[in-house]
PDB file of N, CA and C in Angstrom:
ATOM      1  N   MET A   1    -184.349 162.150 111.830  1.00  0.00           N
ATOM      2  CA  MET A   1    -184.015 160.748 112.000  1.00  0.00           C
ATOM      3  C   MET A   1    -182.497 160.609 112.135  1.00  0.00           C
ATOM      4  N   ASN A   2    -182.033 159.916 113.154  1.00  0.00           N
ATOM      5  CA  ASN A   2    -180.610 159.684 113.357  1.00  0.00           C
ATOM      6  C   ASN A   2    -180.190 158.391 112.678  1.00  0.00           C
ATOM      7  N   PHE A   3    -179.117 158.468 111.935  1.00  0.00           N
ATOM      8  CA  PHE A   3    -178.589 157.282 111.284  1.00  0.00           C
ATOM      9  C   PHE A   3    -177.393 156.786 112.077  1.00  0.00           C
ATOM     10  N   LEU A   4    -177.365 155.486 112.321  1.00  0.00           N
ATOM     11  CA  LEU A   4    -176.260 154.905 113.063  1.00  0.00           C
ATOM     12  C   LEU A   4    -175.044 154.721 112.164  1.00  0.00           C
ATOM     13  N   TYR A   5    -175.273 154.411 110.899  1.00  0.00           N
ATOM     14  CA  TYR A   5    -174.171 154.108 109.985  1.00  0.00           C
ATOM     15  C   TYR A   5    -173.951 155.244 108.999  1.00  0.00           C
ATOM     16  N   ASN A   6    -172.684 155.593 108.810  1.00  0.00           N
ATOM     17  CA  ASN A   6    -172.266 156.653 107.892  1.00  0.00           C
ATOM     18  C   ASN A   6    -173.112 157.913 108.017  1.00  0.00           C
ATOM     19  N   ASN A   7    -173.139 158.425 109.219  1.00  0.00           N
ATOM     20  CA  ASN A   7    -173.850 159.639 109.569  1.00  0.00           C
ATOM     21  C   ASN A   7    -173.379 160.799 108.683  1.00  0.00           C
ATOM     22  N   SER A   8    -174.310 161.530 108.116  1.00  0.00           N
ATOM     23  CA  SER A   8    -173.956 162.639 107.220  1.00  0.00           C
ATOM     24  C   SER A   8    -173.197 163.746 107.947  1.00  0.00           C
ATOM     25  N   GLN A   9    -173.355 163.839 109.264  1.00  0.00           N
ATOM     26  CA  GLN A   9    -172.648 164.869 110.030  1.00  0.00           C
ATOM     27  C   GLN A   9    -171.145 164.616 110.069  1.00  0.00           C
ATOM     28  N   THR A  10    -170.716 163.388 109.825  1.00  0.00           N
ATOM     29  CA  THR A  10    -169.281 163.073 109.854  1.00  0.00           C
ATOM     30  C   THR A  10    -168.686 162.978 108.454  1.00  0.00           C
ATOM     31  N   ARG A  11    -169.466 163.287 107.437  1.00  0.00           N
ATOM     32  CA  ARG A  11    -169.019 163.113 106.046  1.00  0.00           C
ATOM     33  C   ARG A  11    -167.722 163.868 105.749  1.00  0.00           C
ATOM     34  N   LEU A  12    -167.643 165.144 106.119  1.00  0.00           N
ATOM     35  CA  LEU A  12    -166.439 165.926 105.827  1.00  0.00           C
ATOM     36  C   LEU A  12    -165.225 165.385 106.565  1.00  0.00           C
ATOM     37  N   ARG A  13    -165.412 165.016 107.823  1.00  0.00           N
ATOM     38  CA  ARG A  13    -164.294 164.470 108.607  1.00  0.00           C
ATOM     39  C   ARG A  13    -163.808 163.152 108.005  1.00  0.00           C
ATOM     40  N   ARG A  14    -164.740 162.292 107.590  1.00  0.00           N
ATOM     41  CA  ARG A  14    -164.361 161.016 106.975  1.00  0.00           C
ATOM     42  C   ARG A  14    -163.594 161.254 105.681  1.00  0.00           C
ATOM     43  N   ARG A  15    -164.034 162.228 104.909  1.00  0.00           N
ATOM     44  CA  ARG A  15    -163.343 162.558 103.659  1.00  0.00           C
ATOM     45  C   ARG A  15    -161.918 163.029 103.945  1.00  0.00           C
ATOM     46  N   GLN A  16    -161.746 163.879 104.966  1.00  0.00           N
ATOM     47  CA  GLN A  16    -160.412 164.352 105.350  1.00  0.00           C
ATOM     48  C   GLN A  16    -159.518 163.183 105.743  1.00  0.00           C
ATOM     49  N   LEU A  17    -160.056 162.274 106.532  1.00  0.00           N
ATOM     50  CA  LEU A  17    -159.269 161.129 106.983  1.00  0.00           C
ATOM     51  C   LEU A  17    -158.863 160.234 105.818  1.00  0.00           C
ATOM     52  N   ARG A  18    -159.737 160.058 104.844  1.00  0.00           N
ATOM     53  CA  ARG A  18    -159.393 159.250 103.671  1.00  0.00           C
ATOM     54  C   ARG A  18    -158.290 159.911 102.855  1.00  0.00           C
ATOM     55  N   ARG A  19    -158.327 161.225 102.759  1.00  0.00           N
ATOM     56  CA  ARG A  19    -157.322 161.955 101.971  1.00  0.00           C
ATOM     57  C   ARG A  19    -155.980 162.041 102.678  1.00  0.00           C
ATOM     58  N   ASN A  20    -155.974 161.903 103.991  1.00  0.00           N
ATOM     59  CA  ASN A  20    -154.742 162.049 104.779  1.00  0.00           C
ATOM     60  C   ASN A  20    -154.413 160.772 105.533  1.00  0.00           C
ATOM     61  N   GLN A  21    -154.416 159.654 104.839  1.00  0.00           N
ATOM     62  CA  GLN A  21    -154.128 158.365 105.480  1.00  0.00           C
ATOM     63  C   GLN A  21    -152.665 158.283 105.915  1.00  0.00           C
ATOM     64  N   THR A  22    -152.434 157.537 106.983  1.00  0.00           N
ATOM     65  CA  THR A  22    -151.063 157.239 107.381  1.00  0.00           C
ATOM     66  C   THR A  22    -150.513 156.173 106.433  1.00  0.00           C
ATOM     67  N   ASN A  23    -149.207 155.976 106.467  1.00  0.00           N
ATOM     68  CA  ASN A  23    -148.606 154.936 105.625  1.00  0.00           C
ATOM     69  C   ASN A  23    -149.148 153.558 105.982  1.00  0.00           C
ATOM     70  N   ALA A  24    -149.381 153.325 107.268  1.00  0.00           N
ATOM     71  CA  ALA A  24    -149.925 152.028 107.699  1.00  0.00           C
ATOM     72  C   ALA A  24    -151.334 151.829 107.145  1.00  0.00           C
ATOM     73  N   GLU A  25    -152.150 152.866 107.176  1.00  0.00           N
ATOM     74  CA  GLU A  25    -153.505 152.761 106.626  1.00  0.00           C
ATOM     75  C   GLU A  25    -153.468 152.511 105.122  1.00  0.00           C
ATOM     76  N   LYS A  26    -152.554 153.178 104.429  1.00  0.00           N
ATOM     77  CA  LYS A  26    -152.417 152.959 102.980  1.00  0.00           C
ATOM     78  C   LYS A  26    -152.037 151.514 102.684  1.00  0.00           C
ATOM     79  N   ALA A  27    -151.111 150.978 103.475  1.00  0.00           N
ATOM     80  CA  ALA A  27    -150.658 149.598 103.253  1.00  0.00           C
ATOM     81  C   ALA A  27    -151.793 148.604 103.482  1.00  0.00           C
ATOM     82  N   ILE A  28    -152.541 148.786 104.545  1.00  0.00           N
ATOM     83  CA  ILE A  28    -153.641 147.863 104.829  1.00  0.00           C
ATOM     84  C   ILE A  28    -154.749 148.020 103.791  1.00  0.00           C
ATOM     85  N   TRP A  29    -155.040 149.258 103.404  1.00  0.00           N
ATOM     86  CA  TRP A  29    -156.089 149.476 102.411  1.00  0.00           C
ATOM     87  C   TRP A  29    -155.735 148.805 101.080  1.00  0.00           C
ATOM     88  N   SER A  30    -154.457 148.779 100.743  1.00  0.00           N
ATOM     89  CA  SER A  30    -154.058 148.138  99.483  1.00  0.00           C
ATOM     90  C   SER A  30    -154.390 146.646  99.494  1.00  0.00           C
ATOM     91  N   HIS A  31    -154.466 146.036 100.675  1.00  0.00           N
ATOM     92  CA  HIS A  31    -154.831 144.619 100.784  1.00  0.00           C
ATOM     93  C   HIS A  31    -156.344 144.410 100.904  1.00  0.00           C
ATOM     94  N   LEU A  32    -157.041 145.382 101.463  1.00  0.00           N
ATOM     95  CA  LEU A  32    -158.480 145.221 101.702  1.00  0.00           C
ATOM     96  C   LEU A  32    -159.345 145.661 100.522  1.00  0.00           C
ATOM     97  N   ARG A  33    -158.836 146.571  99.729  1.00  0.00           N
ATOM     98  CA  ARG A  33    -159.665 147.119  98.645  1.00  0.00           C
ATOM     99  C   ARG A  33    -159.966 146.081  97.579  1.00  0.00           C
ATOM    100  N   ARG A  34    -160.940 146.347  96.812  1.00  0.00           N
ATOM    101  CA  ARG A  34    -161.369 145.477  95.709  1.00  0.00           C
ATOM    102  C   ARG A  34    -161.712 144.066  96.171  1.00  0.00           C
ATOM    103  N   GLN A  35    -162.183 143.945  97.376  1.00  0.00           N
ATOM    104  CA  GLN A  35    -162.640 142.659  97.920  1.00  0.00           C
ATOM    105  C   GLN A  35    -161.586 141.565  97.773  1.00  0.00           C
ATOM    106  N   SER A  36    -160.321 141.934  97.948  1.00  0.00           N
ATOM    107  CA  SER A  36    -159.241 140.964  97.761  1.00  0.00           C
ATOM    108  C   SER A  36    -159.023 140.067  98.975  1.00  0.00           C
ATOM    109  N   LEU A  37    -159.709 140.317 100.060  1.00  0.00           N
ATOM    110  CA  LEU A  37    -159.579 139.490 101.258  1.00  0.00           C
ATOM    111  C   LEU A  37    -160.807 138.593 101.358  1.00  0.00           C
ATOM    112  N   GLU A  38    -160.697 137.388 100.837  1.00  0.00           N
ATOM    113  CA  GLU A  38    -161.787 136.405 100.886  1.00  0.00           C
ATOM    114  C   GLU A  38    -163.100 136.944 100.304  1.00  0.00           C
ATOM    115  N   GLY A  39    -163.001 137.902  99.393  1.00  0.00           N
ATOM    116  CA  GLY A  39    -164.197 138.453  98.765  1.00  0.00           C
ATOM    117  C   GLY A  39    -165.000 139.388  99.651  1.00  0.00           C
ATOM    118  N   LEU A  40    -164.460 139.769 100.798  1.00  0.00           N
ATOM    119  CA  LEU A  40    -165.173 140.657 101.724  1.00  0.00           C
ATOM    120  C   LEU A  40    -164.976 142.113 101.321  1.00  0.00           C
ATOM    121  N   LYS A  41    -166.041 142.892 101.382  1.00  0.00           N
ATOM    122  CA  LYS A  41    -165.974 144.308 101.040  1.00  0.00           C
ATOM    123  C   LYS A  41    -165.754 145.124 102.305  1.00  0.00           C
ATOM    124  N   PHE A  42    -164.681 145.900 102.302  1.00  0.00           N
ATOM    125  CA  PHE A  42    -164.365 146.803 103.402  1.00  0.00           C
ATOM    126  C   PHE A  42    -164.550 148.241 102.938  1.00  0.00           C
ATOM    127  N   PHE A  43    -164.899 149.097 103.889  1.00  0.00           N
ATOM    128  CA  PHE A  43    -165.022 150.526 103.639  1.00  0.00           C
ATOM    129  C   PHE A  43    -163.986 151.245 104.488  1.00  0.00           C
ATOM    130  N   ARG A  44    -163.437 152.341 103.958  1.00  0.00           N
ATOM    131  CA  ARG A  44    -162.494 153.162 104.723  1.00  0.00           C
ATOM    132  C   ARG A  44    -163.249 154.255 105.459  1.00  0.00           C
ATOM    133  N   GLN A  45    -162.757 154.586 106.652  1.00  0.00           N
ATOM    134  CA  GLN A  45    -163.287 155.696 107.439  1.00  0.00           C
ATOM    135  C   GLN A  45    -164.811 155.664 107.465  1.00  0.00           C
ATOM    136  N   TYR A  46    -165.325 154.618 108.025  1.00  0.00           N
ATOM    137  CA  TYR A  46    -166.765 154.356 108.086  1.00  0.00           C
ATOM    138  C   TYR A  46    -167.273 154.768 109.457  1.00  0.00           C
ATOM    139  N   SER A  47    -168.351 155.533 109.500  1.00  0.00           N
ATOM    140  CA  SER A  47    -168.851 155.979 110.806  1.00  0.00           C
ATOM    141  C   SER A  47    -169.977 155.084 111.300  1.00  0.00           C
ATOM    142  N   ILE A  48    -169.912 154.824 112.589  1.00  0.00           N
ATOM    143  CA  ILE A  48    -170.963 154.085 113.283  1.00  0.00           C
ATOM    144  C   ILE A  48    -171.274 154.890 114.537  1.00  0.00           C
ATOM    145  N   GLY A  49    -172.482 155.429 114.580  1.00  0.00           N
ATOM    146  CA  GLY A  49    -172.808 156.348 115.664  1.00  0.00           C
ATOM    147  C   GLY A  49    -171.879 157.549 115.569  1.00  0.00           C
ATOM    148  N   PRO A  50    -171.335 158.004 116.691  1.00  0.00           N
ATOM    149  CA  PRO A  50    -170.445 159.163 116.662  1.00  0.00           C
ATOM    150  C   PRO A  50    -168.993 158.803 116.331  1.00  0.00           C
ATOM    151  N   HIS A  51    -168.716 157.537 116.083  1.00  0.00           N
ATOM    152  CA  HIS A  51    -167.340 157.068 115.906  1.00  0.00           C
ATOM    153  C   HIS A  51    -167.019 156.774 114.443  1.00  0.00           C
ATOM    154  N   ILE A  52    -165.771 157.029 114.068  1.00  0.00           N
ATOM    155  CA  ILE A  52    -165.296 156.722 112.722  1.00  0.00           C
ATOM    156  C   ILE A  52    -164.275 155.600 112.848  1.00  0.00           C
ATOM    157  N   ILE A  53    -164.524 154.516 112.121  1.00  0.00           N
ATOM    158  CA  ILE A  53    -163.653 153.341 112.154  1.00  0.00           C
ATOM    159  C   ILE A  53    -162.766 153.377 110.917  1.00  0.00           C
ATOM    160  N   ASP A  54    -161.485 153.054 111.077  1.00  0.00           N
ATOM    161  CA  ASP A  54    -160.556 153.093 109.942  1.00  0.00           C
ATOM    162  C   ASP A  54    -161.039 152.219 108.790  1.00  0.00           C
ATOM    163  N   PHE A  55    -161.388 150.965 109.083  1.00  0.00           N
ATOM    164  CA  PHE A  55    -161.872 150.040 108.055  1.00  0.00           C
ATOM    165  C   PHE A  55    -163.022 149.229 108.647  1.00  0.00           C
ATOM    166  N   TYR A  56    -164.053 148.979 107.841  1.00  0.00           N
ATOM    167  CA  TYR A  56    -165.219 148.258 108.345  1.00  0.00           C
ATOM    168  C   TYR A  56    -165.791 147.349 107.269  1.00  0.00           C
ATOM    169  N   CYS A  57    -166.121 146.111 107.678  1.00  0.00           N
ATOM    170  CA  CYS A  57    -166.781 145.145 106.803  1.00  0.00           C
ATOM    171  C   CYS A  57    -168.152 144.838 107.401  1.00  0.00           C
ATOM    172  N   PRO A  58    -169.228 145.350 106.793  1.00  0.00           N
ATOM    173  CA  PRO A  58    -170.565 145.126 107.355  1.00  0.00           C
ATOM    174  C   PRO A  58    -171.014 143.672 107.309  1.00  0.00           C
ATOM    175  N   LYS A  59    -170.551 142.916 106.337  1.00  0.00           N
ATOM    176  CA  LYS A  59    -171.000 141.526 106.201  1.00  0.00           C
ATOM    177  C   LYS A  59    -170.645 140.699 107.432  1.00  0.00           C
ATOM    178  N   ILE A  60    -169.441 140.901 107.973  1.00  0.00           N
ATOM    179  CA  ILE A  60    -169.020 140.136 109.147  1.00  0.00           C
ATOM    180  C   ILE A  60    -168.940 141.007 110.402  1.00  0.00           C
ATOM    181  N   ARG A  61    -169.382 142.270 110.272  1.00  0.00           N
ATOM    182  CA  ARG A  61    -169.426 143.214 111.390  1.00  0.00           C
ATOM    183  C   ARG A  61    -168.070 143.322 112.080  1.00  0.00           C
ATOM    184  N   LEU A  62    -167.050 143.584 111.267  1.00  0.00           N
ATOM    185  CA  LEU A  62    -165.675 143.677 111.747  1.00  0.00           C
ATOM    186  C   LEU A  62    -165.112 145.052 111.441  1.00  0.00           C
ATOM    187  N   GLY A  63    -164.561 145.689 112.467  1.00  0.00           N
ATOM    188  CA  GLY A  63    -163.872 146.959 112.304  1.00  0.00           C
ATOM    189  C   GLY A  63    -162.394 146.764 112.560  1.00  0.00           C
ATOM    190  N   ILE A  64    -161.575 147.458 111.791  1.00  0.00           N
ATOM    191  CA  ILE A  64    -160.122 147.410 111.962  1.00  0.00           C
ATOM    192  C   ILE A  64    -159.652 148.823 112.258  1.00  0.00           C
ATOM    193  N   GLU A  65    -158.903 148.965 113.340  1.00  0.00           N
ATOM    194  CA  GLU A  65    -158.367 150.254 113.750  1.00  0.00           C
ATOM    195  C   GLU A  65    -156.850 150.209 113.707  1.00  0.00           C
ATOM    196  N   ILE A  66    -156.244 151.252 113.154  1.00  0.00           N
ATOM    197  CA  ILE A  66    -154.794 151.403 113.139  1.00  0.00           C
ATOM    198  C   ILE A  66    -154.481 152.504 114.142  1.00  0.00           C
ATOM    199  N   ASP A  67    -153.891 152.134 115.265  1.00  0.00           N
ATOM    200  CA  ASP A  67    -153.651 153.081 116.351  1.00  0.00           C
ATOM    201  C   ASP A  67    -152.217 153.581 116.335  1.00  0.00           C
ATOM    202  N   GLY A  68    -152.065 154.900 116.400  1.00  0.00           N
ATOM    203  CA  GLY A  68    -150.754 155.524 116.518  1.00  0.00           C
ATOM    204  C   GLY A  68    -150.420 155.764 117.978  1.00  0.00           C
ATOM    205  N   GLY A  69    -149.327 156.440 118.215  1.00  0.00           N
ATOM    206  CA  GLY A  69    -148.838 156.689 119.567  1.00  0.00           C
ATOM    207  C   GLY A  69    -149.804 157.452 120.454  1.00  0.00           C
ATOM    208  N   GLN A  70    -150.641 158.305 119.863  1.00  0.00           N
ATOM    209  CA  GLN A  70    -151.584 159.092 120.665  1.00  0.00           C
ATOM    210  C   GLN A  70    -152.574 158.212 121.410  1.00  0.00           C
ATOM    211  N   HIS A  71    -152.774 156.983 120.946  1.00  0.00           N
ATOM    212  CA  HIS A  71    -153.725 156.084 121.609  1.00  0.00           C
ATOM    213  C   HIS A  71    -153.164 155.517 122.917  1.00  0.00           C
ATOM    214  N   ALA A  72    -151.865 155.680 123.159  1.00  0.00           N
ATOM    215  CA  ALA A  72    -151.258 155.195 124.399  1.00  0.00           C
ATOM    216  C   ALA A  72    -151.437 156.196 125.543  1.00  0.00           C
ATOM    217  N   GLU A  73    -151.835 157.416 125.235  1.00  0.00           N
ATOM    218  CA  GLU A  73    -152.047 158.426 126.269  1.00  0.00           C
ATOM    219  C   GLU A  73    -153.281 158.069 127.094  1.00  0.00           C
ATOM    220  N   LYS A  74    -153.212 158.344 128.389  1.00  0.00           N
ATOM    221  CA  LYS A  74    -154.290 157.973 129.317  1.00  0.00           C
ATOM    222  C   LYS A  74    -155.660 158.470 128.860  1.00  0.00           C
ATOM    223  N   LYS A  75    -155.741 159.739 128.475  1.00  0.00           N
ATOM    224  CA  LYS A  75    -157.044 160.301 128.088  1.00  0.00           C
ATOM    225  C   LYS A  75    -157.609 159.578 126.869  1.00  0.00           C
ATOM    226  N   ASN A  76    -156.742 159.157 125.971  1.00  0.00           N
ATOM    227  CA  ASN A  76    -157.209 158.463 124.773  1.00  0.00           C
ATOM    228  C   ASN A  76    -157.509 156.989 125.037  1.00  0.00           C
ATOM    229  N   GLU A  77    -156.835 156.395 126.018  1.00  0.00           N
ATOM    230  CA  GLU A  77    -157.131 155.001 126.375  1.00  0.00           C
ATOM    231  C   GLU A  77    -158.579 154.869 126.839  1.00  0.00           C
ATOM    232  N   LEU A  78    -159.016 155.786 127.678  1.00  0.00           N
ATOM    233  CA  LEU A  78    -160.395 155.769 128.176  1.00  0.00           C
ATOM    234  C   LEU A  78    -161.386 155.976 127.025  1.00  0.00           C
ATOM    235  N   ARG A  79    -161.086 156.918 126.156  1.00  0.00           N
ATOM    236  CA  ARG A  79    -161.958 157.187 125.005  1.00  0.00           C
ATOM    237  C   ARG A  79    -162.047 155.959 124.100  1.00  0.00           C
ATOM    238  N   ASP A  80    -160.900 155.308 123.852  1.00  0.00           N
ATOM    239  CA  ASP A  80    -160.887 154.098 123.018  1.00  0.00           C
ATOM    240  C   ASP A  80    -161.689 152.972 123.659  1.00  0.00           C
ATOM    241  N   ARG A  81    -161.579 152.842 124.974  1.00  0.00           N
ATOM    242  CA  ARG A  81    -162.327 151.796 125.677  1.00  0.00           C
ATOM    243  C   ARG A  81    -163.831 152.028 125.561  1.00  0.00           C
ATOM    244  N   LYS A  82    -164.273 153.277 125.762  1.00  0.00           N
ATOM    245  CA  LYS A  82    -165.702 153.602 125.642  1.00  0.00           C
ATOM    246  C   LYS A  82    -166.185 153.388 124.210  1.00  0.00           C
ATOM    247  N   ARG A  83    -165.353 153.731 123.273  1.00  0.00           N
ATOM    248  CA  ARG A  83    -165.685 153.550 121.860  1.00  0.00           C
ATOM    249  C   ARG A  83    -165.854 152.071 121.532  1.00  0.00           C
ATOM    250  N   THR A  84    -164.922 151.243 122.027  1.00  0.00           N
ATOM    251  CA  THR A  84    -164.996 149.799 121.795  1.00  0.00           C
ATOM    252  C   THR A  84    -166.241 149.217 122.460  1.00  0.00           C
ATOM    253  N   GLU A  85    -166.578 149.700 123.657  1.00  0.00           N
ATOM    254  CA  GLU A  85    -167.797 149.240 124.339  1.00  0.00           C
ATOM    255  C   GLU A  85    -169.039 149.581 123.511  1.00  0.00           C
ATOM    256  N   PHE A  86    -169.096 150.797 122.989  1.00  0.00           N
ATOM    257  CA  PHE A  86    -170.232 151.210 122.161  1.00  0.00           C
ATOM    258  C   PHE A  86    -170.358 150.302 120.941  1.00  0.00           C
ATOM    259  N   LEU A  87    -169.249 150.070 120.261  1.00  0.00           N
ATOM    260  CA  LEU A  87    -169.271 149.246 119.052  1.00  0.00           C
ATOM    261  C   LEU A  87    -169.617 147.801 119.380  1.00  0.00           C
ATOM    262  N   SER A  88    -169.145 147.324 120.516  1.00  0.00           N
ATOM    263  CA  SER A  88    -169.462 145.962 120.945  1.00  0.00           C
ATOM    264  C   SER A  88    -170.969 145.805 121.158  1.00  0.00           C
ATOM    265  N   LYS A  89    -171.601 146.837 121.700  1.00  0.00           N
ATOM    266  CA  LYS A  89    -173.058 146.797 121.893  1.00  0.00           C
ATOM    267  C   LYS A  89    -173.803 146.760 120.557  1.00  0.00           C
ATOM    268  N   GLN A  90    -173.136 147.175 119.497  1.00  0.00           N
ATOM    269  CA  GLN A  90    -173.722 147.113 118.151  1.00  0.00           C
ATOM    270  C   GLN A  90    -173.353 145.794 117.457  1.00  0.00           C
ATOM    271  N   ASN A  91    -172.768 144.864 118.227  1.00  0.00           N
ATOM    272  CA  ASN A  91    -172.311 143.564 117.701  1.00  0.00           C
ATOM    273  C   ASN A  91    -171.228 143.715 116.643  1.00  0.00           C
ATOM    274  N   ILE A  92    -170.344 144.678 116.858  1.00  0.00           N
ATOM    275  CA  ILE A  92    -169.219 144.896 115.953  1.00  0.00           C
ATOM    276  C   ILE A  92    -167.945 144.579 116.716  1.00  0.00           C
ATOM    277  N   GLN A  93    -167.146 143.699 116.146  1.00  0.00           N
ATOM    278  CA  GLN A  93    -165.870 143.338 116.753  1.00  0.00           C
ATOM    279  C   GLN A  93    -164.792 144.252 116.187  1.00  0.00           C
ATOM    280  N   ILE A  94    -163.913 144.725 117.055  1.00  0.00           N
ATOM    281  CA  ILE A  94    -162.839 145.622 116.642  1.00  0.00           C
ATOM    282  C   ILE A  94    -161.499 144.919 116.825  1.00  0.00           C
ATOM    283  N   ILE A  95    -160.685 144.995 115.786  1.00  0.00           N
ATOM    284  CA  ILE A  95    -159.308 144.509 115.849  1.00  0.00           C
ATOM    285  C   ILE A  95    -158.417 145.740 115.767  1.00  0.00           C
ATOM    286  N   ARG A  96    -157.457 145.840 116.682  1.00  0.00           N
ATOM    287  CA  ARG A  96    -156.558 146.999 116.705  1.00  0.00           C
ATOM    288  C   ARG A  96    -155.135 146.574 116.360  1.00  0.00           C
ATOM    289  N   PHE A  97    -154.493 147.390 115.543  1.00  0.00           N
ATOM    290  CA  PHE A  97    -153.085 147.211 115.207  1.00  0.00           C
ATOM    291  C   PHE A  97    -152.356 148.488 115.586  1.00  0.00           C
ATOM    292  N   TRP A  98    -151.144 148.335 116.101  1.00  0.00           N
ATOM    293  CA  TRP A  98    -150.332 149.504 116.443  1.00  0.00           C
ATOM    294  C   TRP A  98    -149.520 149.923 115.234  1.00  0.00           C
ATOM    295  N   ASN A  99    -149.516 151.229 114.992  1.00  0.00           N
ATOM    296  CA  ASN A  99    -148.768 151.801 113.876  1.00  0.00           C
ATOM    297  C   ASN A  99    -147.368 152.128 114.366  1.00  0.00           C
TER     298      ASN A  99
END
């Protein structure tokens, strides 16, 4: 059975990403944790399908991505666009911030 959310195949990668957060991710997480944003619960490094989202709130189906310079490269722009299309088909809205 394939799971769309928090796929066990991405567990190790998600753990690595949580342990090696950028300063921008740490700053945003300090505001999102403990349901301090309007009582909404966010998760860090949450997987949906084959993709890992920096922060995700299932209640409002909102993903937050913190993009570094590598996202400006052509090959990554296409990958990000396909990823956003996939998530949009799952009724998940993505907000992107530049790091």
